[in-house]
Structures are given as structure tokens and as C-alpha cells.
Amino acid sequence: MRFVTIYHEGWDAHSDVAGNLKSLCAATDRGSAALVADLKRRGLLDSTLVVWGGEFGRTPVGGASPGLGRSKGPDHPPHAFTRWLAGGGGIRGGVTYGETDELGFHVARDEVHVHDLQATILHCLGLDHERLTYRFQGRDYRLTDVHGHVVRGILS
């Protein structure tokens, strides 16, 4: 199984969120779509996992902090984030999984903890996250802590 890692530095848009996101999306949307289309065209999408993530959510309230050089921008909610996955390991296309409340602050349906996301990515790469458990000083450890569950609802 292949995986692709591409970074865009400076995605954290606390100031002028609308303007920053317009610019950041213009810099990444076409390239991200082209990557997936090219992998599919070459027959590599089924064996390549693509995981895309920007910031972990925004709320319509708070965030202005002139002391930190932040204005016109909401802060991160601690409870919700968005990622998209494509390709390898059996990701089912065209699926939206989970939902927030009307403010985008709390999870309203189908919560996916970061440990669940990690367990799902490892599953797609052919690894059982539970078999990565090791014991140290009387406690079990693994990449998904001891909590993660594979999100079956996004798998084909």
C-alpha cells in the first residue's frame, strides 16, 4: 500500500478567515483534485491512500486576538474536524460521515475521534492497530492509545 504526504505550510488562518481560505483553497484544491484524478487514471488509486486535512474546524464565534495578530477570525472548536480520504484500502467514494451542530462546535452525529481516524488509516494501510500494542511500565500503549475503532461506515 502506498501513501502520499504533501504539506502546505501556513494553513492556520485565524485572521481574515474568508480571505485566507479563498487563497489557501485556490492553492490546494486543483492540485489535490489533480492528484486523485491522476492516480485514478494511472490505475494507482486503489493502492494509494490519500488523506487530506486542513485545519480542525472553525466556529462562527470568538478568535479575535490583537495581541497575537489575529483579527476577523474565529478560533478552533476542540470537538470537530474535517478530513477527506480517497483510494486505497477500500475507502468508499462519495460518503460524508459525521455531522456537527449548527455552529460547527459539537458533534451531532457519528463522532470520529482522532484515535478512530488513526485506526482507520492504519486499517487501510493493512495494519491492525490493536496488534501494535505494547506494554510499558504496566500500561498498554499504541498509536491509537487504547481507544481507536476502525470507522467501518466509510469503507466499501
Protein backbone atom coordinates (compact mmCIF):
# COMPACT_ATOMS: atom_id res chain seq x y z
CA MET A 1 0.00 0.00 0.00
CA ARG A 2 1.29 3.44 -0.91
CA PHE A 3 0.57 6.66 0.91
CA VAL A 4 1.12 10.25 -0.12
CA THR A 5 2.19 13.08 2.17
CA ILE A 6 2.06 16.66 0.93
CA TYR A 7 2.28 19.63 3.27
CA HIS A 8 1.18 23.22 2.82
CA GLU A 9 2.79 25.38 5.48
CA GLY A 10 0.78 28.23 6.88
CA TRP A 11 -2.74 26.83 6.63
CA ASP A 12 -3.77 28.14 10.07
CA ALA A 13 -5.98 31.12 9.17
CA HIS A 14 -7.02 32.91 12.36
CA SER A 15 -7.11 36.33 10.69
CA ASP A 16 -9.29 37.20 7.71
CA VAL A 17 -10.54 33.62 7.51
CA ALA A 18 -12.68 34.20 4.41
CA GLY A 19 -9.81 35.80 2.51
CA ASN A 20 -7.20 33.33 3.71
CA LEU A 21 -9.33 30.28 2.95
CA LYS A 22 -10.09 31.58 -0.54
CA SER A 23 -6.36 31.92 -1.17
CA LEU A 24 -5.41 28.63 0.51
CA CYS A 25 -8.12 26.66 -1.27
CA ALA A 26 -7.06 28.18 -4.61
CA ALA A 27 -3.52 26.96 -3.87
CA THR A 28 -4.56 23.42 -2.92
CA ASP A 29 -7.93 22.41 -4.44
CA ARG A 30 -6.86 21.97 -8.05
CA GLY A 31 -3.65 20.17 -7.08
CA SER A 32 -5.49 17.82 -4.72
CA ALA A 33 -8.14 17.03 -7.34
CA ALA A 34 -5.44 16.53 -9.99
CA LEU A 35 -3.55 14.13 -7.71
CA VAL A 36 -6.61 11.93 -7.17
CA ALA A 37 -7.59 12.09 -10.87
CA ASP A 38 -4.03 11.20 -11.96
CA LEU A 39 -3.80 8.30 -9.52
CA LYS A 40 -7.14 7.00 -10.81
CA ARG A 41 -6.13 7.45 -14.47
CA ARG A 42 -2.91 5.50 -13.90
CA GLY A 43 -4.71 2.73 -12.02
CA LEU A 44 -2.90 3.60 -8.77
CA LEU A 45 -5.77 4.98 -6.70
CA ASP A 46 -6.84 1.56 -5.42
CA SER A 47 -3.36 1.01 -3.99
CA THR A 48 -2.73 4.56 -2.74
CA LEU A 49 -4.39 6.10 0.30
CA VAL A 50 -4.89 9.87 0.10
CA VAL A 51 -5.79 11.66 3.35
CA TRP A 52 -6.47 15.40 3.16
CA GLY A 53 -6.80 17.65 6.17
CA GLY A 54 -6.58 21.34 6.72
CA GLU A 55 -7.43 22.97 9.98
CA PHE A 56 -9.53 21.20 12.54
CA GLY A 57 -12.71 23.21 12.13
CA ARG A 58 -13.83 26.77 12.72
CA THR A 59 -16.71 28.22 14.67
CA PRO A 60 -18.58 31.43 13.87
CA VAL A 61 -17.64 32.94 17.25
CA GLY A 62 -14.51 34.14 19.06
CA GLY A 63 -10.94 34.15 17.90
CA ALA A 64 -10.01 37.82 17.59
CA SER A 65 -6.76 38.33 19.48
CA PRO A 66 -4.94 41.56 18.56
CA GLY A 67 -2.04 40.65 20.87
CA LEU A 68 -1.38 37.61 18.69
CA GLY A 69 -2.00 39.50 15.45
CA ARG A 70 -5.36 37.80 14.89
CA SER A 71 -8.44 39.63 13.73
CA LYS A 72 -11.68 38.88 11.93
CA GLY A 73 -11.35 35.18 12.60
CA PRO A 74 -12.96 32.51 14.71
CA ASP A 75 -10.98 30.06 16.75
CA HIS A 76 -10.78 26.27 16.51
CA PRO A 77 -13.52 24.22 18.13
CA PRO A 78 -11.99 21.46 20.22
CA HIS A 79 -14.63 18.88 19.30
CA ALA A 80 -14.91 18.71 15.50
CA PHE A 81 -12.71 18.48 12.42
CA THR A 82 -12.96 17.55 8.75
CA ARG A 83 -10.81 15.19 6.70
CA TRP A 84 -11.31 13.51 3.37
CA LEU A 85 -9.91 10.17 2.35
CA ALA A 86 -9.71 8.61 -1.09
CA GLY A 87 -8.43 5.48 -2.69
CA GLY A 88 -6.51 2.62 -1.16
CA GLY A 89 -7.62 0.24 1.48
CA GLY A 90 -11.26 0.28 0.49
CA ILE A 91 -12.38 3.88 1.06
CA ARG A 92 -15.93 4.20 -0.26
CA GLY A 93 -16.27 7.20 -2.56
CA GLY A 94 -18.92 9.87 -2.20
CA VAL A 95 -19.56 9.31 1.51
CA THR A 96 -19.98 12.03 4.10
CA TYR A 97 -19.62 10.63 7.59
CA GLY A 98 -20.46 12.56 10.74
CA GLU A 99 -22.16 15.86 11.37
CA THR A 100 -21.76 18.84 13.68
CA ASP A 101 -24.35 21.04 15.31
CA GLU A 102 -25.47 24.21 13.54
CA LEU A 103 -22.48 26.14 14.94
CA GLY A 104 -19.91 23.55 13.89
CA PHE A 105 -18.82 23.23 17.51
CA HIS A 106 -20.07 19.87 18.81
CA VAL A 107 -20.51 16.54 17.07
CA ALA A 108 -24.20 15.89 16.44
CA ARG A 109 -23.95 12.51 14.71
CA ASP A 110 -21.38 9.74 14.06
CA GLU A 111 -18.47 11.03 16.12
CA VAL A 112 -15.00 10.04 14.91
CA HIS A 113 -12.28 10.54 17.50
CA VAL A 114 -8.75 11.19 16.27
CA HIS A 115 -7.86 7.68 17.53
CA ASP A 116 -10.62 6.28 15.28
CA LEU A 117 -9.24 8.19 12.30
CA GLN A 118 -5.76 6.80 13.02
CA ALA A 119 -7.13 3.25 13.43
CA THR A 120 -8.95 3.60 10.10
CA ILE A 121 -5.87 4.89 8.28
CA LEU A 122 -3.79 2.03 9.68
CA HIS A 123 -6.51 -0.44 8.61
CA CYS A 124 -6.43 0.97 5.08
CA LEU A 125 -2.65 0.50 5.06
CA GLY A 126 -3.14 -3.14 6.03
CA LEU A 127 -2.22 -2.80 9.71
CA ASP A 128 -4.31 -3.85 12.69
CA HIS A 129 -3.86 -1.02 15.18
CA GLU A 130 -4.62 -3.36 18.09
CA ARG A 131 -1.70 -5.61 17.16
CA LEU A 132 0.62 -2.61 17.54
CA THR A 133 0.00 -2.62 21.30
CA TYR A 134 3.00 -2.89 23.59
CA ARG A 135 3.21 -2.86 27.35
CA PHE A 136 5.49 -0.40 29.16
CA GLN A 137 5.62 0.19 32.91
CA GLY A 138 2.37 -1.67 33.43
CA ARG A 139 0.36 0.21 30.79
CA ASP A 140 -0.65 -0.68 27.24
CA TYR A 141 0.39 1.77 24.50
CA ARG A 142 -0.27 2.04 20.78
CA LEU A 143 -0.66 4.74 18.12
CA THR A 144 -4.39 4.86 18.79
CA ASP A 145 -3.86 4.90 22.55
CA VAL A 146 -6.12 2.09 23.73
CA HIS A 147 -9.31 3.53 22.28
CA GLY A 148 -9.44 3.68 18.48
CA HIS A 149 -12.01 1.83 16.37
CA VAL A 150 -11.97 1.43 12.60
CA VAL A 151 -14.70 3.60 11.05
CA ARG A 152 -16.47 0.92 9.01
CA GLY A 153 -19.03 3.40 7.64
CA ILE A 154 -16.51 4.89 5.20
CA LEU A 155 -15.17 1.56 3.94
CA SER A 156 -16.50 -0.19 0.85
